Amino acid sequence: WASFEEARLAMAERGPLVEGRDGNLVKNPAAQ
């Protein structure tokens, strides 16, 4: 539950897509 809540907050803050190492948008790892 604590991991879920932390990831949920990260998703809320950054959204479902984040910048990858190449500068492209990638799926937020918090979703997994």
All heavy atoms as atom14 arrays in JSON, in Angstrom:
{
  "sequence": "WASFEEARLAMAERGPLVEGRDGNLVKNPAAQ",
  "atom14_mask": [
    [1, 1, 1, 1, 1, 1, 1, 1, 1, 1, 1, 1, 1, 1],
    [1, 1, 1, 1, 1, 0, 0, 0, 0, 0, 0, 0, 0, 0],
    [1, 1, 1, 1, 1, 1, 0, 0, 0, 0, 0, 0, 0, 0],
    [1, 1, 1, 1, 1, 1, 1, 1, 1, 1, 1, 0, 0, 0],
    [1, 1, 1, 1, 1, 1, 1, 1, 1, 0, 0, 0, 0, 0],
    [1, 1, 1, 1, 1, 1, 1, 1, 1, 0, 0, 0, 0, 0],
    [1, 1, 1, 1, 1, 0, 0, 0, 0, 0, 0, 0, 0, 0],
    [1, 1, 1, 1, 1, 1, 1, 1, 1, 1, 1, 0, 0, 0],
    [1, 1, 1, 1, 1, 1, 1, 1, 0, 0, 0, 0, 0, 0],
    [1, 1, 1, 1, 1, 0, 0, 0, 0, 0, 0, 0, 0, 0],
    [1, 1, 1, 1, 1, 1, 1, 1, 0, 0, 0, 0, 0, 0],
    [1, 1, 1, 1, 1, 0, 0, 0, 0, 0, 0, 0, 0, 0],
    [1, 1, 1, 1, 1, 1, 1, 1, 1, 0, 0, 0, 0, 0],
    [1, 1, 1, 1, 1, 1, 1, 1, 1, 1, 1, 0, 0, 0],
    [1, 1, 1, 1, 0, 0, 0, 0, 0, 0, 0, 0, 0, 0],
    [1, 1, 1, 1, 1, 1, 1, 0, 0, 0, 0, 0, 0, 0],
    [1, 1, 1, 1, 1, 1, 1, 1, 0, 0, 0, 0, 0, 0],
    [1, 1, 1, 1, 1, 1, 1, 0, 0, 0, 0, 0, 0, 0],
    [1, 1, 1, 1, 1, 1, 1, 1, 1, 0, 0, 0, 0, 0],
    [1, 1, 1, 1, 0, 0, 0, 0, 0, 0, 0, 0, 0, 0],
    [1, 1, 1, 1, 1, 1, 1, 1, 1, 1, 1, 0, 0, 0],
    [1, 1, 1, 1, 1, 1, 1, 1, 0, 0, 0, 0, 0, 0],
    [1, 1, 1, 1, 0, 0, 0, 0, 0, 0, 0, 0, 0, 0],
    [1, 1, 1, 1, 1, 1, 1, 1, 0, 0, 0, 0, 0, 0],
    [1, 1, 1, 1, 1, 1, 1, 1, 0, 0, 0, 0, 0, 0],
    [1, 1, 1, 1, 1, 1, 1, 0, 0, 0, 0, 0, 0, 0],
    [1, 1, 1, 1, 1, 1, 1, 1, 1, 0, 0, 0, 0, 0],
    [1, 1, 1, 1, 1, 1, 1, 1, 0, 0, 0, 0, 0, 0],
    [1, 1, 1, 1, 1, 1, 1, 0, 0, 0, 0, 0, 0, 0],
    [1, 1, 1, 1, 1, 0, 0, 0, 0, 0, 0, 0, 0, 0],
    [1, 1, 1, 1, 1, 0, 0, 0, 0, 0, 0, 0, 0, 0],
    [1, 1, 1, 1, 1, 1, 1, 1, 1, 0, 0, 0, 0, 0]
  ],
  "atom14_positions": [
    [[0.84, -1.2, 0.0], [0.0, 0.0, 0.0], [0.87, 1.26, 0.0], [0.61, 2.2, -0.75], [-0.95, 0.03, 1.19], [-1.51, 1.4, 1.39], [-1.18, 2.28, 2.38], [-2.44, 2.09, 0.55], [-1.86, 3.47, 2.2], [-2.64, 3.37, 1.08], [-3.12, 1.74, -0.62], [-3.49, 4.31, 0.49], [-3.96, 2.67, -1.19], [-4.14, 3.93, -0.63]],
    [[1.92, 1.28, 0.82], [2.79, 2.46, 0.88], [3.48, 2.69, -0.46], [3.58, 3.84, -0.92], [3.82, 2.29, 2.0], [0.0, 0.0, 0.0], [0.0, 0.0, 0.0], [0.0, 0.0, 0.0], [0.0, 0.0, 0.0], [0.0, 0.0, 0.0], [0.0, 0.0, 0.0], [0.0, 0.0, 0.0], [0.0, 0.0, 0.0], [0.0, 0.0, 0.0]],
    [[3.94, 1.62, -1.12], [4.56, 1.76, -2.44], [3.55, 2.27, -3.46], [3.86, 3.13, -4.28], [5.11, 0.42, -2.92], [6.18, 0.02, -2.11], [0.0, 0.0, 0.0], [0.0, 0.0, 0.0], [0.0, 0.0, 0.0], [0.0, 0.0, 0.0], [0.0, 0.0, 0.0], [0.0, 0.0, 0.0], [0.0, 0.0, 0.0], [0.0, 0.0, 0.0]],
    [[2.35, 1.73, -3.42], [1.29, 2.18, -4.32], [1.02, 3.66, -4.15], [0.95, 4.41, -5.12], [0.01, 1.37, -4.08], [-1.14, 1.79, -4.94], [-1.32, 1.21, -6.18], [-2.04, 2.76, -4.52], [-2.38, 1.61, -7.0], [-3.09, 3.16, -5.32], [-3.26, 2.58, -6.57], [0.0, 0.0, 0.0], [0.0, 0.0, 0.0], [0.0, 0.0, 0.0]],
    [[0.88, 4.09, -2.91], [0.56, 5.5, -2.64], [1.69, 6.42, -3.08], [1.44, 7.49, -3.65], [0.24, 5.68, -1.15], [-0.16, 7.07, -0.76], [-1.45, 7.57, -1.43], [-2.16, 6.79, -2.09], [-1.73, 8.78, -1.28], [0.0, 0.0, 0.0], [0.0, 0.0, 0.0], [0.0, 0.0, 0.0], [0.0, 0.0, 0.0], [0.0, 0.0, 0.0]],
    [[2.92, 6.02, -2.85], [4.06, 6.84, -3.28], [4.09, 6.96, -4.81], [4.3, 8.04, -5.36], [5.37, 6.23, -2.77], [6.58, 7.09, -3.05], [7.85, 6.51, -2.44], [7.78, 5.73, -1.48], [8.93, 6.86, -2.95], [0.0, 0.0, 0.0], [0.0, 0.0, 0.0], [0.0, 0.0, 0.0], [0.0, 0.0, 0.0], [0.0, 0.0, 0.0]],
    [[3.86, 5.84, -5.5], [3.84, 5.86, -6.96], [2.64, 6.66, -7.48], [2.75, 7.39, -8.46], [3.79, 4.43, -7.5], [0.0, 0.0, 0.0], [0.0, 0.0, 0.0], [0.0, 0.0, 0.0], [0.0, 0.0, 0.0], [0.0, 0.0, 0.0], [0.0, 0.0, 0.0], [0.0, 0.0, 0.0], [0.0, 0.0, 0.0], [0.0, 0.0, 0.0]],
    [[1.51, 6.56, -6.79], [0.33, 7.33, -7.19], [0.59, 8.82, -7.11], [0.25, 9.58, -8.02], [-0.87, 6.96, -6.31], [-2.19, 7.57, -6.78], [-3.27, 7.38, -5.74], [-3.02, 8.14, -4.54], [-3.22, 9.46, -4.42], [-3.66, 10.17, -5.44], [-2.98, 10.08, -3.28], [0.0, 0.0, 0.0], [0.0, 0.0, 0.0], [0.0, 0.0, 0.0]],
    [[1.25, 9.24, -6.06], [1.59, 10.66, -5.91], [2.58, 11.09, -6.99], [2.47, 12.21, -7.52], [2.14, 10.93, -4.51], [1.13, 10.78, -3.37], [1.84, 10.88, -2.02], [0.01, 11.79, -3.48], [0.0, 0.0, 0.0], [0.0, 0.0, 0.0], [0.0, 0.0, 0.0], [0.0, 0.0, 0.0], [0.0, 0.0, 0.0], [0.0, 0.0, 0.0]],
    [[3.54, 10.24, -7.33], [4.5, 10.56, -8.4], [3.78, 10.69, -9.74], [4.08, 11.59, -10.54], [5.59, 9.5, -8.48], [0.0, 0.0, 0.0], [0.0, 0.0, 0.0], [0.0, 0.0, 0.0], [0.0, 0.0, 0.0], [0.0, 0.0, 0.0], [0.0, 0.0, 0.0], [0.0, 0.0, 0.0], [0.0, 0.0, 0.0], [0.0, 0.0, 0.0]],
    [[2.81, 9.82, -9.98], [2.03, 9.91, -11.22], [1.21, 11.2, -11.24], [1.11, 11.86, -12.27], [1.09, 8.7, -11.35], [1.77, 7.42, -11.71], [2.19, 7.32, -13.44], [0.58, 7.15, -14.16], [0.0, 0.0, 0.0], [0.0, 0.0, 0.0], [0.0, 0.0, 0.0], [0.0, 0.0, 0.0], [0.0, 0.0, 0.0], [0.0, 0.0, 0.0]],
    [[0.64, 11.56, -10.1], [-0.16, 12.78, -10.04], [0.71, 14.01, -10.28], [0.29, 14.97, -10.92], [-0.86, 12.88, -8.68], [0.0, 0.0, 0.0], [0.0, 0.0, 0.0], [0.0, 0.0, 0.0], [0.0, 0.0, 0.0], [0.0, 0.0, 0.0], [0.0, 0.0, 0.0], [0.0, 0.0, 0.0], [0.0, 0.0, 0.0], [0.0, 0.0, 0.0]],
    [[1.95, 13.96, -9.79], [2.85, 15.1, -9.94], [3.42, 15.21, -11.35], [3.5, 16.3, -11.92], [4.0, 14.98, -8.93], [5.0, 16.11, -8.98], [6.13, 15.91, -8.0], [5.88, 15.42, -6.88], [7.28, 16.23, -8.36], [0.0, 0.0, 0.0], [0.0, 0.0, 0.0], [0.0, 0.0, 0.0], [0.0, 0.0, 0.0], [0.0, 0.0, 0.0]],
    [[3.83, 14.08, -11.93], [4.54, 14.12, -13.21], [3.71, 13.68, -14.4], [4.12, 13.88, -15.54], [5.8, 13.25, -13.11], [6.78, 13.81, -12.1], [8.04, 12.96, -12.04], [8.85, 13.36, -10.91], [8.85, 12.75, -9.74], [8.09, 11.71, -9.53], [9.63, 13.17, -8.76], [0.0, 0.0, 0.0], [0.0, 0.0, 0.0], [0.0, 0.0, 0.0]],
    [[2.59, 13.01, -14.14], [1.74, 12.53, -15.23], [2.16, 11.17, -15.74], [3.17, 10.61, -15.3], [0.0, 0.0, 0.0], [0.0, 0.0, 0.0], [0.0, 0.0, 0.0], [0.0, 0.0, 0.0], [0.0, 0.0, 0.0], [0.0, 0.0, 0.0], [0.0, 0.0, 0.0], [0.0, 0.0, 0.0], [0.0, 0.0, 0.0], [0.0, 0.0, 0.0]],
    [[1.41, 10.62, -16.69], [1.7, 9.27, -17.17], [2.92, 9.19, -18.1], [3.44, 8.1, -18.31], [0.42, 8.89, -17.93], [-0.18, 10.19, -18.33], [0.19, 11.18, -17.26], [0.0, 0.0, 0.0], [0.0, 0.0, 0.0], [0.0, 0.0, 0.0], [0.0, 0.0, 0.0], [0.0, 0.0, 0.0], [0.0, 0.0, 0.0], [0.0, 0.0, 0.0]],
    [[3.36, 10.32, -18.65], [4.54, 10.33, -19.52], [5.61, 11.23, -18.92], [5.31, 12.3, -18.4], [4.17, 10.83, -20.92], [3.15, 9.99, -21.69], [2.79, 10.68, -23.0], [3.68, 8.58, -21.95], [0.0, 0.0, 0.0], [0.0, 0.0, 0.0], [0.0, 0.0, 0.0], [0.0, 0.0, 0.0], [0.0, 0.0, 0.0], [0.0, 0.0, 0.0]],
    [[6.84, 10.76, -18.98], [7.98, 11.55, -18.48], [9.07, 11.54, -19.54], [9.06, 10.71, -20.46], [8.52, 10.98, -17.14], [7.5, 11.1, -16.03], [8.98, 9.54, -17.3], [0.0, 0.0, 0.0], [0.0, 0.0, 0.0], [0.0, 0.0, 0.0], [0.0, 0.0, 0.0], [0.0, 0.0, 0.0], [0.0, 0.0, 0.0], [0.0, 0.0, 0.0]],
    [[10.0, 12.43, -19.4], [11.1, 12.51, -20.36], [12.08, 11.37, -20.1], [12.55, 11.15, -18.98], [11.81, 13.86, -20.22], [12.84, 14.1, -21.3], [13.43, 15.49, -21.22], [12.69, 16.45, -20.92], [14.65, 15.61, -21.45], [0.0, 0.0, 0.0], [0.0, 0.0, 0.0], [0.0, 0.0, 0.0], [0.0, 0.0, 0.0], [0.0, 0.0, 0.0]],
    [[12.4, 10.62, -21.16], [13.36, 9.53, -21.06], [14.78, 10.04, -21.2], [15.02, 11.24, -21.39], [0.0, 0.0, 0.0], [0.0, 0.0, 0.0], [0.0, 0.0, 0.0], [0.0, 0.0, 0.0], [0.0, 0.0, 0.0], [0.0, 0.0, 0.0], [0.0, 0.0, 0.0], [0.0, 0.0, 0.0], [0.0, 0.0, 0.0], [0.0, 0.0, 0.0]],
    [[15.75, 9.14, -21.16], [17.16, 9.56, -21.22], [17.54, 10.17, -22.56], [18.48, 10.93, -22.65], [18.08, 8.41, -20.85], [18.22, 7.34, -21.89], [19.18, 6.28, -21.43], [18.38, 5.26, -20.74], [18.54, 3.98, -20.92], [19.49, 3.53, -21.68], [17.77, 3.12, -20.31], [0.0, 0.0, 0.0], [0.0, 0.0, 0.0], [0.0, 0.0, 0.0]],
    [[16.79, 9.84, -23.61], [17.06, 10.41, -24.93], [16.23, 11.67, -25.19], [16.27, 12.21, -26.29], [16.76, 9.4, -26.03], [17.67, 8.18, -25.94], [18.8, 8.33, -25.46], [17.24, 7.08, -26.35], [0.0, 0.0, 0.0], [0.0, 0.0, 0.0], [0.0, 0.0, 0.0], [0.0, 0.0, 0.0], [0.0, 0.0, 0.0], [0.0, 0.0, 0.0]],
    [[15.49, 12.12, -24.2], [14.66, 13.31, -24.37], [13.28, 13.02, -24.92], [12.45, 13.91, -25.01], [0.0, 0.0, 0.0], [0.0, 0.0, 0.0], [0.0, 0.0, 0.0], [0.0, 0.0, 0.0], [0.0, 0.0, 0.0], [0.0, 0.0, 0.0], [0.0, 0.0, 0.0], [0.0, 0.0, 0.0], [0.0, 0.0, 0.0], [0.0, 0.0, 0.0]],
    [[13.01, 11.77, -25.29], [11.69, 11.38, -25.77], [10.76, 11.13, -24.59], [11.21, 10.82, -23.48], [11.76, 10.1, -26.6], [12.6, 10.27, -27.84], [12.7, 11.38, -28.37], [13.2, 9.19, -28.3], [0.0, 0.0, 0.0], [0.0, 0.0, 0.0], [0.0, 0.0, 0.0], [0.0, 0.0, 0.0], [0.0, 0.0, 0.0], [0.0, 0.0, 0.0]],
    [[9.46, 11.23, -24.81], [8.5, 10.9, -23.77], [8.38, 9.38, -23.66], [8.29, 8.67, -24.66], [7.14, 11.51, -24.09], [7.06, 13.02, -23.96], [5.67, 13.51, -24.35], [7.42, 13.49, -22.56], [0.0, 0.0, 0.0], [0.0, 0.0, 0.0], [0.0, 0.0, 0.0], [0.0, 0.0, 0.0], [0.0, 0.0, 0.0], [0.0, 0.0, 0.0]],
    [[8.4, 8.91, -22.42], [8.25, 7.48, -22.13], [7.22, 7.31, -21.03], [6.89, 8.26, -20.31], [9.6, 6.83, -21.7], [10.62, 6.89, -22.82], [10.13, 7.46, -20.45], [0.0, 0.0, 0.0], [0.0, 0.0, 0.0], [0.0, 0.0, 0.0], [0.0, 0.0, 0.0], [0.0, 0.0, 0.0], [0.0, 0.0, 0.0], [0.0, 0.0, 0.0]],
    [[6.74, 6.09, -20.89], [5.77, 5.81, -19.82], [6.44, 6.02, -18.46], [7.57, 5.59, -18.23], [5.28, 4.38, -19.95], [4.22, 3.99, -18.94], [3.59, 2.64, -19.24], [4.56, 1.53, -19.0], [3.96, 0.2, -19.1], [0.0, 0.0, 0.0], [0.0, 0.0, 0.0], [0.0, 0.0, 0.0], [0.0, 0.0, 0.0], [0.0, 0.0, 0.0]],
    [[5.74, 6.71, -17.57], [6.24, 6.96, -16.23], [6.46, 5.62, -15.52], [5.53, 4.81, -15.43], [5.23, 7.82, -15.47], [5.75, 8.33, -14.15], [6.61, 7.72, -13.53], [5.21, 9.45, -13.71], [0.0, 0.0, 0.0], [0.0, 0.0, 0.0], [0.0, 0.0, 0.0], [0.0, 0.0, 0.0], [0.0, 0.0, 0.0], [0.0, 0.0, 0.0]],
    [[7.67, 5.34, -15.01], [7.92, 4.08, -14.29], [7.02, 3.9, -13.07], [6.79, 2.77, -12.64], [9.39, 4.18, -13.86], [9.99, 5.24, -14.71], [8.88, 6.16, -15.11], [0.0, 0.0, 0.0], [0.0, 0.0, 0.0], [0.0, 0.0, 0.0], [0.0, 0.0, 0.0], [0.0, 0.0, 0.0], [0.0, 0.0, 0.0], [0.0, 0.0, 0.0]],
    [[6.48, 4.98, -12.56], [5.57, 4.87, -11.42], [4.33, 4.07, -11.77], [3.72, 3.44, -10.9], [5.19, 6.26, -10.91], [0.0, 0.0, 0.0], [0.0, 0.0, 0.0], [0.0, 0.0, 0.0], [0.0, 0.0, 0.0], [0.0, 0.0, 0.0], [0.0, 0.0, 0.0], [0.0, 0.0, 0.0], [0.0, 0.0, 0.0], [0.0, 0.0, 0.0]],
    [[3.94, 4.06, -13.05], [2.77, 3.28, -13.46], [3.0, 1.79, -13.2], [2.09, 1.09, -12.72], [2.46, 3.52, -14.93], [0.0, 0.0, 0.0], [0.0, 0.0, 0.0], [0.0, 0.0, 0.0], [0.0, 0.0, 0.0], [0.0, 0.0, 0.0], [0.0, 0.0, 0.0], [0.0, 0.0, 0.0], [0.0, 0.0, 0.0], [0.0, 0.0, 0.0]],
    [[4.19, 1.29, -13.48], [4.49, -0.12, -13.23], [4.56, -0.41, -11.73], [4.1, -1.46, -11.28], [5.81, -0.53, -13.91], [6.14, -2.0, -13.76], [5.13, -2.89, -14.48], [4.77, -2.62, -15.61], [4.66, -3.93, -13.81], [0.0, 0.0, 0.0], [0.0, 0.0, 0.0], [0.0, 0.0, 0.0], [0.0, 0.0, 0.0], [0.0, 0.0, 0.0]]
  ]
}
